[in-house]
Amino acid sequence: MENIKDVVREKYAEAALRVQTGGSSCCGAGPATECSDPITSNLYERGQTAELPEAAVLASLGCGNPTALAELHPGETVLDLGSGGGIDVLLSGRRVGPTGKAYGVDMTDEMLALANENKLQAGVENVEFLKGEIENIPLPDNSIDVIISNCVINLSANKDRVLREAFRVLKPGGRLAVSDVVTRGEIPPDVRHSVLLWVGCVAGALEENEYRNKLGAAGFVKVEVEPTRIYRVDDAREFLAAGGVDVDAIAPVVDGKIMSAFVRAVKPAGKGV
């Protein structure tokens, strides 16, 4: 488990440093204007990000846009699990307004430094970035209205712990509204390993029904898994082939089985920790 954390920490540290030197954080790690990865590209409308620092946008390693899908209201307290360069925290801070608060928690020093610099440049004062692991959220019980996350829960080696922690810090009636990568149906382990190049930012994706079951086991109700992007192998043919993957060999067993999804769930009212 620690080895997985070390790999993730190193990967995200490198991504933060690439952004600070004019590169891109996307899986392809090419020039900032040429993210060829079909999972991480084109997630935010220009109108949403126009007033944010470019580094916050370039540092996004997500697979969705939870701030566009979550219903955030003025005065609410929002927590982003694995906040990276801070794009979703900054967008959330603007959505909840001066009477609300948006927290981001991240375990990578380089990403936290980038996020705090982006906070200064954006001039958004009602946000705070905390160092910590999503398996051990550094916030008190029953303190958060909405939890968002952008393709980070799948990176954890202990997803059950992450979901229990999310349940703990949510207020009764609080909402989980995360973007994540899920699979539909089983994918053979050897084939799954081959496509890790493609989903390098999103390794460890759960099967959608397993995700539902884990949320239920953590105590959540009203669980929904709504696909937002279904990935076709042809969309990533060039990307995969460049990494030496035999695309035609894996296509029949993965095509259409990997998707980004918006995962919603609610902590029951009156269910304090």
Protein backbone atom coordinates (compact mmCIF):
# COMPACT_ATOMS: atom_id res chain seq x y z
CA MET A 1 0.00 0.00 0.00
CA GLU A 2 2.80 2.40 0.88
CA ASN A 3 4.46 1.59 -2.42
CA ILE A 4 1.32 2.68 -4.28
CA LYS A 5 1.26 5.91 -2.29
CA ASP A 6 4.91 6.53 -3.11
CA VAL A 7 4.29 5.98 -6.83
CA VAL A 8 1.27 8.31 -6.82
CA ARG A 9 3.11 10.96 -4.80
CA GLU A 10 6.09 10.85 -7.19
CA LYS A 11 3.84 10.99 -10.26
CA TYR A 12 1.92 14.02 -9.01
CA ALA A 13 5.06 15.77 -7.84
CA GLU A 14 6.51 15.39 -11.33
CA ALA A 15 3.26 16.68 -12.83
CA ALA A 16 3.33 19.78 -10.63
CA LEU A 17 6.92 20.50 -11.56
CA ARG A 18 6.18 20.04 -15.28
CA VAL A 19 3.39 22.58 -15.09
CA GLN A 20 5.64 25.08 -13.34
CA THR A 21 8.15 24.76 -16.17
CA GLY A 22 5.59 25.18 -18.96
CA GLY A 23 4.65 21.56 -19.59
CA SER A 24 1.42 19.65 -19.19
CA SER A 25 0.28 17.39 -16.37
CA CYS A 26 -1.75 15.15 -18.70
CA CYS A 27 -0.86 11.49 -18.98
CA GLY A 28 0.93 12.01 -22.26
CA ALA A 29 3.15 14.59 -20.56
CA GLY A 30 3.59 16.47 -23.80
CA PRO A 31 3.51 20.22 -24.40
CA ALA A 32 0.91 22.06 -22.40
CA THR A 33 -1.23 22.73 -25.45
CA GLU A 34 -1.15 19.15 -26.70
CA CYS A 35 -2.75 16.83 -24.18
CA SER A 36 -3.50 13.78 -26.34
CA ASP A 37 -4.95 11.73 -23.50
CA PRO A 38 -8.69 11.28 -24.16
CA ILE A 39 -9.41 10.90 -20.45
CA THR A 40 -7.93 14.13 -19.09
CA SER A 41 -8.51 16.47 -22.03
CA ASN A 42 -11.28 19.03 -22.60
CA LEU A 43 -13.05 18.67 -19.26
CA TYR A 44 -13.69 22.33 -18.44
CA GLU A 45 -15.52 24.94 -20.44
CA ARG A 46 -13.45 28.00 -21.20
CA GLY A 47 -15.94 30.22 -19.40
CA GLN A 48 -15.34 28.31 -16.18
CA THR A 49 -11.59 28.60 -16.23
CA ALA A 50 -11.03 31.95 -17.94
CA GLU A 51 -10.38 33.77 -14.66
CA LEU A 52 -8.21 31.06 -13.11
CA PRO A 53 -4.40 30.91 -13.30
CA GLU A 54 -3.23 28.88 -16.29
CA ALA A 55 -1.19 26.64 -13.98
CA ALA A 56 -4.34 25.57 -12.14
CA VAL A 57 -5.93 24.48 -15.40
CA LEU A 58 -2.83 22.73 -16.72
CA ALA A 59 -2.30 20.85 -13.46
CA SER A 60 -5.65 19.09 -13.65
CA LEU A 61 -5.20 15.31 -13.83
CA GLY A 62 -8.90 14.62 -13.52
CA CYS A 63 -11.35 12.65 -15.62
CA GLY A 64 -14.40 14.83 -15.09
CA ASN A 65 -15.66 18.15 -13.82
CA PRO A 66 -17.32 17.58 -10.45
CA THR A 67 -17.88 21.31 -9.90
CA ALA A 68 -20.15 21.41 -12.94
CA LEU A 69 -22.12 18.35 -11.82
CA ALA A 70 -22.32 18.90 -8.07
CA GLU A 71 -25.02 21.20 -6.75
CA LEU A 72 -23.05 23.69 -4.69
CA HIS A 73 -24.92 26.42 -2.85
CA PRO A 74 -23.80 29.70 -1.27
CA GLY A 75 -22.64 29.23 2.31
CA GLU A 76 -21.76 25.54 2.00
CA THR A 77 -18.47 23.96 3.04
CA VAL A 78 -16.87 21.84 0.32
CA LEU A 79 -13.96 19.41 0.49
CA ASP A 80 -11.97 18.22 -2.54
CA LEU A 81 -10.16 14.91 -2.00
CA GLY A 82 -6.81 14.96 -3.79
CA SER A 83 -7.00 18.60 -4.80
CA GLY A 84 -3.80 18.76 -6.87
CA GLY A 85 -3.20 22.18 -8.41
CA GLY A 86 -6.45 23.42 -6.94
CA ILE A 87 -8.71 23.97 -9.96
CA ASP A 88 -11.81 22.34 -8.42
CA VAL A 89 -11.25 24.01 -5.05
CA LEU A 90 -10.97 27.44 -6.66
CA LEU A 91 -14.09 26.85 -8.75
CA SER A 92 -15.94 25.58 -5.66
CA GLY A 93 -14.86 28.57 -3.60
CA ARG A 94 -16.45 30.86 -6.14
CA ARG A 95 -19.63 28.78 -6.22
CA VAL A 96 -20.17 28.79 -2.44
CA GLY A 97 -19.32 32.47 -2.12
CA PRO A 98 -17.82 34.46 0.76
CA THR A 99 -20.08 32.85 3.36
CA GLY A 100 -18.91 29.38 2.29
CA LYS A 101 -15.56 27.59 2.41
CA ALA A 102 -13.71 25.20 0.12
CA TYR A 103 -10.97 22.90 1.39
CA GLY A 104 -8.55 20.83 -0.62
CA VAL A 105 -6.53 17.97 0.83
CA ASP A 106 -3.46 16.59 -0.94
CA MET A 107 -0.44 14.57 0.15
CA THR A 108 2.03 15.99 -2.38
CA ASP A 109 4.12 18.97 -1.30
CA GLU A 110 4.73 20.12 -4.86
CA MET A 111 1.01 20.14 -5.68
CA LEU A 112 0.20 21.97 -2.43
CA ALA A 113 2.78 24.64 -3.27
CA LEU A 114 1.32 25.00 -6.76
CA ALA A 115 -2.24 25.16 -5.37
CA ASN A 116 -1.35 27.88 -2.87
CA GLU A 117 0.36 29.91 -5.59
CA ASN A 118 -2.76 29.51 -7.75
CA LYS A 119 -4.90 30.63 -4.81
CA LEU A 120 -2.86 33.84 -4.52
CA GLN A 121 -3.03 34.54 -8.23
CA ALA A 122 -6.77 33.85 -8.38
CA GLY A 123 -7.47 36.07 -5.39
CA VAL A 124 -9.95 33.56 -3.93
CA GLU A 125 -9.84 33.96 -0.16
CA ASN A 126 -12.36 31.39 1.07
CA VAL A 127 -10.23 28.36 0.16
CA GLU A 128 -7.66 26.42 2.17
CA PHE A 129 -5.30 23.64 1.14
CA LEU A 130 -4.41 21.02 3.74
CA LYS A 131 -1.63 18.45 3.66
CA GLY A 132 -2.95 14.98 4.30
CA GLU A 133 -4.01 11.65 2.88
CA ILE A 134 -7.53 10.93 1.73
CA GLU A 135 -7.46 7.80 3.88
CA ASN A 136 -6.97 10.05 6.94
CA ILE A 137 -8.74 13.34 6.25
CA PRO A 138 -7.41 16.10 8.56
CA LEU A 139 -10.84 17.55 9.36
CA PRO A 140 -13.32 16.92 12.21
CA ASP A 141 -16.42 14.74 12.13
CA ASN A 142 -19.63 16.14 10.64
CA SER A 143 -17.95 19.30 9.28
CA ILE A 144 -18.47 19.19 5.49
CA ASP A 145 -21.57 19.74 3.35
CA VAL A 146 -20.25 18.39 0.05
CA ILE A 147 -17.30 16.20 -0.86
CA ILE A 148 -15.98 16.35 -4.41
CA SER A 149 -13.04 14.56 -6.01
CA ASN A 150 -11.67 14.31 -9.51
CA CYS A 151 -10.27 10.88 -10.32
CA VAL A 152 -8.30 10.40 -7.12
CA ILE A 153 -10.27 7.85 -5.10
CA ASN A 154 -9.41 5.22 -7.72
CA LEU A 155 -5.70 5.78 -6.99
CA SER A 156 -6.05 4.74 -3.35
CA ALA A 157 -5.06 1.24 -2.33
CA ASN A 158 -7.64 1.40 0.47
CA LYS A 159 -10.83 2.73 -1.08
CA ASP A 160 -12.98 1.38 1.76
CA ARG A 161 -11.03 3.53 4.20
CA VAL A 162 -11.38 6.59 1.94
CA LEU A 163 -15.15 6.18 1.75
CA ARG A 164 -15.45 5.66 5.51
CA GLU A 165 -13.44 8.84 6.08
CA ALA A 166 -15.62 10.73 3.61
CA PHE A 167 -18.70 9.52 5.51
CA ARG A 168 -17.13 10.59 8.83
CA VAL A 169 -16.41 14.19 7.86
CA LEU A 170 -19.71 14.79 6.07
CA LYS A 171 -22.52 16.38 8.03
CA PRO A 172 -25.72 14.35 8.34
CA GLY A 173 -27.48 14.87 5.02
CA GLY A 174 -24.14 15.76 3.39
CA ARG A 175 -23.41 14.80 -0.19
CA LEU A 176 -20.65 12.94 -1.99
CA ALA A 177 -20.35 14.07 -5.63
CA VAL A 178 -17.17 12.77 -7.26
CA SER A 179 -15.86 12.10 -10.73
CA ASP A 180 -14.00 8.83 -11.06
CA VAL A 181 -13.09 6.18 -13.59
CA VAL A 182 -15.03 2.93 -13.36
CA THR A 183 -15.22 -0.22 -15.42
CA ARG A 184 -18.35 -1.95 -16.63
CA GLY A 185 -17.97 -5.70 -16.38
CA GLU A 186 -14.78 -7.58 -15.68
CA ILE A 187 -11.56 -6.93 -17.56
CA PRO A 188 -8.92 -9.73 -17.42
CA PRO A 189 -5.94 -8.75 -15.23
CA ASP A 190 -3.39 -9.04 -18.03
CA VAL A 191 -5.47 -6.83 -20.31
CA ARG A 192 -6.13 -4.38 -17.48
CA HIS A 193 -2.36 -4.12 -17.01
CA SER A 194 -1.92 -3.32 -20.72
CA VAL A 195 -4.34 -0.43 -20.61
CA LEU A 196 -2.73 1.10 -17.53
CA LEU A 197 -0.67 3.13 -19.99
CA TRP A 198 -3.90 4.65 -21.29
CA VAL A 199 -5.42 5.13 -17.86
CA GLY A 200 -2.11 5.84 -16.19
CA CYS A 201 -3.70 8.74 -14.32
CA VAL A 202 -6.56 6.53 -13.23
CA ALA A 203 -5.16 3.12 -12.37
CA GLY A 204 -7.17 1.04 -9.94
CA ALA A 205 -10.63 1.77 -11.30
CA LEU A 206 -13.44 -0.14 -9.59
CA GLU A 207 -16.17 -2.05 -11.39
CA GLU A 208 -19.28 0.13 -11.12
CA ASN A 209 -21.30 -2.31 -9.01
CA GLU A 210 -18.35 -2.82 -6.66
CA TYR A 211 -18.22 0.98 -6.25
CA ARG A 212 -21.91 1.00 -5.32
CA ASN A 213 -21.38 -1.80 -2.81
CA LYS A 214 -18.43 -0.08 -1.15
CA LEU A 215 -20.40 3.15 -0.76
CA GLY A 216 -23.27 1.23 0.81
CA ALA A 217 -20.90 -0.55 3.17
CA ALA A 218 -19.52 2.81 4.30
CA GLY A 219 -23.05 3.91 5.23
CA PHE A 220 -24.07 5.97 2.20
CA VAL A 221 -27.54 5.92 0.67
CA LYS A 222 -29.03 7.16 -2.62
CA VAL A 223 -26.00 5.87 -4.51
CA GLU A 224 -25.87 6.67 -8.23
CA VAL A 225 -23.17 5.98 -10.81
CA GLU A 226 -23.77 8.01 -13.97
CA PRO A 227 -21.35 7.55 -16.92
CA THR A 228 -20.13 10.86 -18.32
CA ARG A 229 -17.61 9.59 -20.88
CA ILE A 230 -17.37 6.08 -22.31
CA TYR A 231 -13.93 5.42 -23.77
CA ARG A 232 -13.56 3.65 -27.07
CA VAL A 233 -10.26 2.05 -27.95
CA ASP A 234 -10.17 3.92 -31.26
CA ASP A 235 -10.18 7.20 -29.32
CA ALA A 236 -6.85 6.21 -27.81
CA ARG A 237 -5.39 4.10 -30.63
CA GLU A 238 -2.47 6.47 -31.28
CA PHE A 239 -1.92 7.03 -27.58
CA LEU A 240 -1.81 3.28 -26.83
CA ALA A 241 0.20 2.27 -29.87
CA ALA A 242 2.88 4.80 -28.97
CA GLY A 243 3.34 2.87 -25.74
CA GLY A 244 3.77 -0.46 -27.48
CA VAL A 245 0.28 -1.80 -26.76
CA ASP A 246 -1.22 -4.19 -29.32
CA VAL A 247 -4.43 -2.23 -29.73
CA ASP A 248 -6.22 -4.74 -31.94
CA ALA A 249 -5.51 -7.54 -29.47
CA ILE A 250 -7.03 -5.78 -26.46
CA ALA A 251 -9.87 -3.97 -28.23
CA PRO A 252 -12.49 -6.76 -28.02
CA VAL A 253 -12.25 -7.03 -24.23
CA VAL A 254 -11.90 -3.37 -23.23
CA ASP A 255 -13.78 -1.34 -25.82
CA GLY A 256 -16.55 0.58 -24.09
CA LYS A 257 -15.82 -0.98 -20.69
CA ILE A 258 -13.81 1.90 -19.24
CA MET A 259 -15.65 5.12 -18.46
CA SER A 260 -15.60 8.28 -16.46
CA ALA A 261 -18.59 8.49 -14.17
CA PHE A 262 -20.20 10.93 -11.79
CA VAL A 263 -20.72 9.13 -8.50
CA ARG A 264 -23.31 10.53 -6.10
CA ALA A 265 -24.23 9.41 -2.60
CA VAL A 266 -25.72 10.89 0.56
CA LYS A 267 -24.98 10.52 4.26
CA PRO A 268 -28.34 9.86 5.90
CA ALA A 269 -29.82 12.76 7.86
CA GLY A 270 -29.49 12.22 11.59
CA LYS A 271 -26.52 9.89 11.03
CA GLY A 272 -23.76 11.65 12.94
CA VAL A 273 -20.47 9.84 13.52
